[in-house]
Amino acid sequence: MDILRIVIAIFLPPVAAFLTVVIALHFWLNILLTILFFVPGMIHALWLVVKKGKATV
């Protein structure tokens, strides 16, 4: 599941952020970053997915 979220974070960052934190501050921040510049939104989504994966292990 984490590999799928990483792939989604690369191509659709807000979707990956939503799947990771649902409706929270990080989700809205990711939408803003993705609208302004795609790459920061992608990096933020990857960070959320990796951070969430380490917390659950």
PDB file of N, CA and C in Angstrom:
ATOM      1  N   MET A   1       0.824  -1.199   0.000  1.00  0.00           N
ATOM      2  CA  MET A   1       0.000   0.000   0.000  1.00  0.00           C
ATOM      3  C   MET A   1       0.861   1.252   0.000  1.00  0.00           C
ATOM      4  N   ASP A   2       1.995   1.234   0.704  1.00  0.00           N
ATOM      5  CA  ASP A   2       2.836   2.422   0.737  1.00  0.00           C
ATOM      6  C   ASP A   2       3.449   2.720  -0.623  1.00  0.00           C
ATOM      7  N   ILE A   3       3.780   1.682  -1.385  1.00  0.00           N
ATOM      8  CA  ILE A   3       4.344   1.906  -2.719  1.00  0.00           C
ATOM      9  C   ILE A   3       3.294   2.546  -3.616  1.00  0.00           C
ATOM     10  N   LEU A   4       2.056   2.119  -3.492  1.00  0.00           N
ATOM     11  CA  LEU A   4       0.976   2.725  -4.259  1.00  0.00           C
ATOM     12  C   LEU A   4       0.810   4.194  -3.883  1.00  0.00           C
ATOM     13  N   ARG A   5       0.877   4.499  -2.608  1.00  0.00           N
ATOM     14  CA  ARG A   5       0.760   5.903  -2.166  1.00  0.00           C
ATOM     15  C   ARG A   5       1.937   6.741  -2.666  1.00  0.00           C
ATOM     16  N   ILE A   6       3.115   6.165  -2.730  1.00  0.00           N
ATOM     17  CA  ILE A   6       4.279   6.900  -3.245  1.00  0.00           C
ATOM     18  C   ILE A   6       4.089   7.216  -4.723  1.00  0.00           C
ATOM     19  N   VAL A   7       3.591   6.251  -5.477  1.00  0.00           N
ATOM     20  CA  VAL A   7       3.330   6.489  -6.904  1.00  0.00           C
ATOM     21  C   VAL A   7       2.250   7.557  -7.073  1.00  0.00           C
ATOM     22  N   ILE A   8       1.205   7.484  -6.264  1.00  0.00           N
ATOM     23  CA  ILE A   8       0.149   8.503  -6.321  1.00  0.00           C
ATOM     24  C   ILE A   8       0.708   9.866  -5.930  1.00  0.00           C
ATOM     25  N   ALA A   9       1.607   9.908  -4.959  1.00  0.00           N
ATOM     26  CA  ALA A   9       2.198  11.178  -4.526  1.00  0.00           C
ATOM     27  C   ALA A   9       3.018  11.818  -5.639  1.00  0.00           C
ATOM     28  N   ILE A  10       3.604  11.008  -6.506  1.00  0.00           N
ATOM     29  CA  ILE A  10       4.393  11.560  -7.603  1.00  0.00           C
ATOM     30  C   ILE A  10       3.484  12.161  -8.671  1.00  0.00           C
ATOM     31  N   PHE A  11       2.395  11.489  -8.994  1.00  0.00           N
ATOM     32  CA  PHE A  11       1.541  11.949 -10.088  1.00  0.00           C
ATOM     33  C   PHE A  11       0.359  12.804  -9.649  1.00  0.00           C
ATOM     34  N   LEU A  12      -0.208  12.534  -8.471  1.00  0.00           N
ATOM     35  CA  LEU A  12      -1.355  13.274  -7.949  1.00  0.00           C
ATOM     36  C   LEU A  12      -1.142  13.600  -6.470  1.00  0.00           C
ATOM     37  N   PRO A  13      -0.312  14.589  -6.171  1.00  0.00           N
ATOM     38  CA  PRO A  13       0.037  14.872  -4.769  1.00  0.00           C
ATOM     39  C   PRO A  13      -1.147  15.127  -3.835  1.00  0.00           C
ATOM     40  N   PRO A  14      -2.172  15.902  -4.224  1.00  0.00           N
ATOM     41  CA  PRO A  14      -3.272  16.109  -3.274  1.00  0.00           C
ATOM     42  C   PRO A  14      -4.029  14.826  -2.930  1.00  0.00           C
ATOM     43  N   VAL A  15      -4.123  13.903  -3.865  1.00  0.00           N
ATOM     44  CA  VAL A  15      -4.806  12.640  -3.581  1.00  0.00           C
ATOM     45  C   VAL A  15      -4.022  11.837  -2.545  1.00  0.00           C
ATOM     46  N   ALA A  16      -2.713  11.794  -2.694  1.00  0.00           N
ATOM     47  CA  ALA A  16      -1.882  11.083  -1.724  1.00  0.00           C
ATOM     48  C   ALA A  16      -1.968  11.744  -0.353  1.00  0.00           C
ATOM     49  N   ALA A  17      -1.983  13.070  -0.327  1.00  0.00           N
ATOM     50  CA  ALA A  17      -2.110  13.777   0.949  1.00  0.00           C
ATOM     51  C   ALA A  17      -3.464  13.476   1.590  1.00  0.00           C
ATOM     52  N   PHE A  18      -4.512  13.443   0.778  1.00  0.00           N
ATOM     53  CA  PHE A  18      -5.840  13.127   1.303  1.00  0.00           C
ATOM     54  C   PHE A  18      -5.896  11.712   1.859  1.00  0.00           C
ATOM     55  N   LEU A  19      -5.304  10.753   1.150  1.00  0.00           N
ATOM     56  CA  LEU A  19      -5.310   9.365   1.624  1.00  0.00           C
ATOM     57  C   LEU A  19      -4.492   9.194   2.904  1.00  0.00           C
ATOM     58  N   THR A  20      -3.541  10.095   3.119  1.00  0.00           N
ATOM     59  CA  THR A  20      -2.670   9.975   4.285  1.00  0.00           C
ATOM     60  C   THR A  20      -3.237  10.697   5.504  1.00  0.00           C
ATOM     61  N   VAL A  21      -3.685  11.932   5.341  1.00  0.00           N
ATOM     62  CA  VAL A  21      -4.113  12.722   6.503  1.00  0.00           C
ATOM     63  C   VAL A  21      -5.582  13.128   6.475  1.00  0.00           C
ATOM     64  N   VAL A  22      -6.334  12.667   5.484  1.00  0.00           N
ATOM     65  CA  VAL A  22      -7.743  13.016   5.256  1.00  0.00           C
ATOM     66  C   VAL A  22      -7.848  14.540   5.149  1.00  0.00           C
ATOM     67  N   ILE A  23      -8.828  15.170   5.780  1.00  0.00           N
ATOM     68  CA  ILE A  23      -8.988  16.622   5.694  1.00  0.00           C
ATOM     69  C   ILE A  23      -8.309  17.243   6.910  1.00  0.00           C
ATOM     70  N   ALA A  24      -7.096  17.680   6.711  1.00  0.00           N
ATOM     71  CA  ALA A  24      -6.331  18.316   7.778  1.00  0.00           C
ATOM     72  C   ALA A  24      -5.533  19.463   7.164  1.00  0.00           C
ATOM     73  N   LEU A  25      -4.782  20.142   7.990  1.00  0.00           N
ATOM     74  CA  LEU A  25      -3.997  21.284   7.533  1.00  0.00           C
ATOM     75  C   LEU A  25      -3.018  20.884   6.434  1.00  0.00           C
ATOM     76  N   HIS A  26      -2.393  19.723   6.565  1.00  0.00           N
ATOM     77  CA  HIS A  26      -1.419  19.295   5.567  1.00  0.00           C
ATOM     78  C   HIS A  26      -2.070  19.039   4.204  1.00  0.00           C
ATOM     79  N   PHE A  27      -3.308  18.608   4.192  1.00  0.00           N
ATOM     80  CA  PHE A  27      -4.027  18.411   2.931  1.00  0.00           C
ATOM     81  C   PHE A  27      -4.209  19.735   2.204  1.00  0.00           C
ATOM     82  N   TRP A  28      -4.666  20.749   2.925  1.00  0.00           N
ATOM     83  CA  TRP A  28      -4.891  22.062   2.308  1.00  0.00           C
ATOM     84  C   TRP A  28      -3.565  22.711   1.903  1.00  0.00           C
ATOM     85  N   LEU A  29      -2.546  22.527   2.707  1.00  0.00           N
ATOM     86  CA  LEU A  29      -1.223  23.030   2.355  1.00  0.00           C
ATOM     87  C   LEU A  29      -0.716  22.365   1.078  1.00  0.00           C
ATOM     88  N   ASN A  30      -0.961  21.077   0.945  1.00  0.00           N
ATOM     89  CA  ASN A  30      -0.518  20.366  -0.250  1.00  0.00           C
ATOM     90  C   ASN A  30      -1.266  20.851  -1.491  1.00  0.00           C
ATOM     91  N   ILE A  31      -2.540  21.122  -1.365  1.00  0.00           N
ATOM     92  CA  ILE A  31      -3.286  21.667  -2.508  1.00  0.00           C
ATOM     93  C   ILE A  31      -2.709  23.011  -2.908  1.00  0.00           C
ATOM     94  N   LEU A  32      -2.421  23.865  -1.941  1.00  0.00           N
ATOM     95  CA  LEU A  32      -1.840  25.175  -2.235  1.00  0.00           C
ATOM     96  C   LEU A  32      -0.479  25.036  -2.909  1.00  0.00           C
ATOM     97  N   LEU A  33       0.383  24.177  -2.390  1.00  0.00           N
ATOM     98  CA  LEU A  33       1.698  23.974  -2.986  1.00  0.00           C
ATOM     99  C   LEU A  33       1.594  23.401  -4.399  1.00  0.00           C
ATOM    100  N   THR A  34       0.653  22.514  -4.617  1.00  0.00           N
ATOM    101  CA  THR A  34       0.489  21.915  -5.934  1.00  0.00           C
ATOM    102  C   THR A  34      -0.050  22.927  -6.937  1.00  0.00           C
ATOM    103  N   ILE A  35      -0.939  23.795  -6.501  1.00  0.00           N
ATOM    104  CA  ILE A  35      -1.468  24.826  -7.404  1.00  0.00           C
ATOM    105  C   ILE A  35      -0.387  25.834  -7.768  1.00  0.00           C
ATOM    106  N   LEU A  36       0.399  26.245  -6.789  1.00  0.00           N
ATOM    107  CA  LEU A  36       1.435  27.234  -7.064  1.00  0.00           C
ATOM    108  C   LEU A  36       2.567  26.646  -7.900  1.00  0.00           C
ATOM    109  N   PHE A  37       3.107  25.532  -7.460  1.00  0.00           N
ATOM    110  CA  PHE A  37       4.190  24.844  -8.164  1.00  0.00           C
ATOM    111  C   PHE A  37       3.999  23.355  -7.919  1.00  0.00           C
ATOM    112  N   PHE A  38       4.088  22.551  -8.959  1.00  0.00           N
ATOM    113  CA  PHE A  38       3.798  21.128  -8.827  1.00  0.00           C
ATOM    114  C   PHE A  38       4.845  20.385  -7.997  1.00  0.00           C
ATOM    115  N   VAL A  39       6.116  20.718  -8.198  1.00  0.00           N
ATOM    116  CA  VAL A  39       7.201  19.973  -7.542  1.00  0.00           C
ATOM    117  C   VAL A  39       7.159  20.109  -6.016  1.00  0.00           C
ATOM    118  N   PRO A  40       6.964  21.306  -5.433  1.00  0.00           N
ATOM    119  CA  PRO A  40       6.855  21.362  -3.966  1.00  0.00           C
ATOM    120  C   PRO A  40       5.668  20.574  -3.422  1.00  0.00           C
ATOM    121  N   GLY A  41       4.573  20.545  -4.157  1.00  0.00           N
ATOM    122  CA  GLY A  41       3.425  19.738  -3.740  1.00  0.00           C
ATOM    123  C   GLY A  41       3.753  18.265  -3.757  1.00  0.00           C
ATOM    124  N   MET A  42       4.514  17.844  -4.757  1.00  0.00           N
ATOM    125  CA  MET A  42       4.920  16.447  -4.858  1.00  0.00           C
ATOM    126  C   MET A  42       5.869  16.084  -3.715  1.00  0.00           C
ATOM    127  N   ILE A  43       6.825  16.941  -3.426  1.00  0.00           N
ATOM    128  CA  ILE A  43       7.772  16.686  -2.336  1.00  0.00           C
ATOM    129  C   ILE A  43       7.038  16.614  -1.003  1.00  0.00           C
ATOM    130  N   HIS A  44       6.098  17.520  -0.786  1.00  0.00           N
ATOM    131  CA  HIS A  44       5.331  17.530   0.461  1.00  0.00           C
ATOM    132  C   HIS A  44       4.500  16.253   0.594  1.00  0.00           C
ATOM    133  N   ALA A  45       3.877  15.815  -0.491  1.00  0.00           N
ATOM    134  CA  ALA A  45       3.082  14.585  -0.441  1.00  0.00           C
ATOM    135  C   ALA A  45       3.967  13.376  -0.160  1.00  0.00           C
ATOM    136  N   LEU A  46       5.123  13.318  -0.788  1.00  0.00           N
ATOM    137  CA  LEU A  46       6.056  12.218  -0.520  1.00  0.00           C
ATOM    138  C   LEU A  46       6.494  12.226   0.941  1.00  0.00           C
ATOM    139  N   TRP A  47       6.754  13.411   1.462  1.00  0.00           N
ATOM    140  CA  TRP A  47       7.144  13.534   2.870  1.00  0.00           C
ATOM    141  C   TRP A  47       6.030  13.029   3.792  1.00  0.00           C
ATOM    142  N   LEU A  48       4.780  13.390   3.478  1.00  0.00           N
ATOM    143  CA  LEU A  48       3.663  12.922   4.300  1.00  0.00           C
ATOM    144  C   LEU A  48       3.542  11.405   4.276  1.00  0.00           C
ATOM    145  N   VAL A  49       3.658  10.818   3.093  1.00  0.00           N
ATOM    146  CA  VAL A  49       3.509   9.368   2.965  1.00  0.00           C
ATOM    147  C   VAL A  49       4.629   8.646   3.702  1.00  0.00           C
ATOM    148  N   VAL A  50       5.858   9.111   3.543  1.00  0.00           N
ATOM    149  CA  VAL A  50       6.991   8.450   4.194  1.00  0.00           C
ATOM    150  C   VAL A  50       6.914   8.639   5.714  1.00  0.00           C
ATOM    151  N   LYS A  51       6.564   9.836   6.161  1.00  0.00           N
ATOM    152  CA  LYS A  51       6.453  10.108   7.593  1.00  0.00           C
ATOM    153  C   LYS A  51       5.360   9.254   8.229  1.00  0.00           C
ATOM    154  N   LYS A  52       4.229   9.142   7.577  1.00  0.00           N
ATOM    155  CA  LYS A  52       3.113   8.342   8.092  1.00  0.00           C
ATOM    156  C   LYS A  52       3.485   6.862   8.113  1.00  0.00           C
ATOM    157  N   GLY A  53       4.219   6.397   7.111  1.00  0.00           N
ATOM    158  CA  GLY A  53       4.634   4.997   7.058  1.00  0.00           C
ATOM    159  C   GLY A  53       5.589   4.636   8.189  1.00  0.00           C
ATOM    160  N   LYS A  54       6.492   5.534   8.550  1.00  0.00           N
ATOM    161  CA  LYS A  54       7.431   5.259   9.643  1.00  0.00           C
ATOM    162  C   LYS A  54       6.721   5.289  10.991  1.00  0.00           C
ATOM    163  N   ALA A  55       5.681   6.114  11.131  1.00  0.00           N
ATOM    164  CA  ALA A  55       4.989   6.222  12.402  1.00  0.00           C
ATOM    165  C   ALA A  55       4.165   4.969  12.703  1.00  0.00           C
ATOM    166  N   THR A  56       3.688   4.278  11.656  1.00  0.00           N
ATOM    167  CA  THR A  56       2.841   3.125  11.886  1.00  0.00           C
ATOM    168  C   THR A  56       3.628   1.858  12.091  1.00  0.00           C
ATOM    169  N   VAL A  57       4.922   1.863  11.780  1.00  0.00           N
ATOM    170  CA  VAL A  57       5.731   0.642  11.895  1.00  0.00           C
ATOM    171  C   VAL A  57       6.241   0.455  13.281  1.00  0.00           C
TER     172      VAL A  57
END
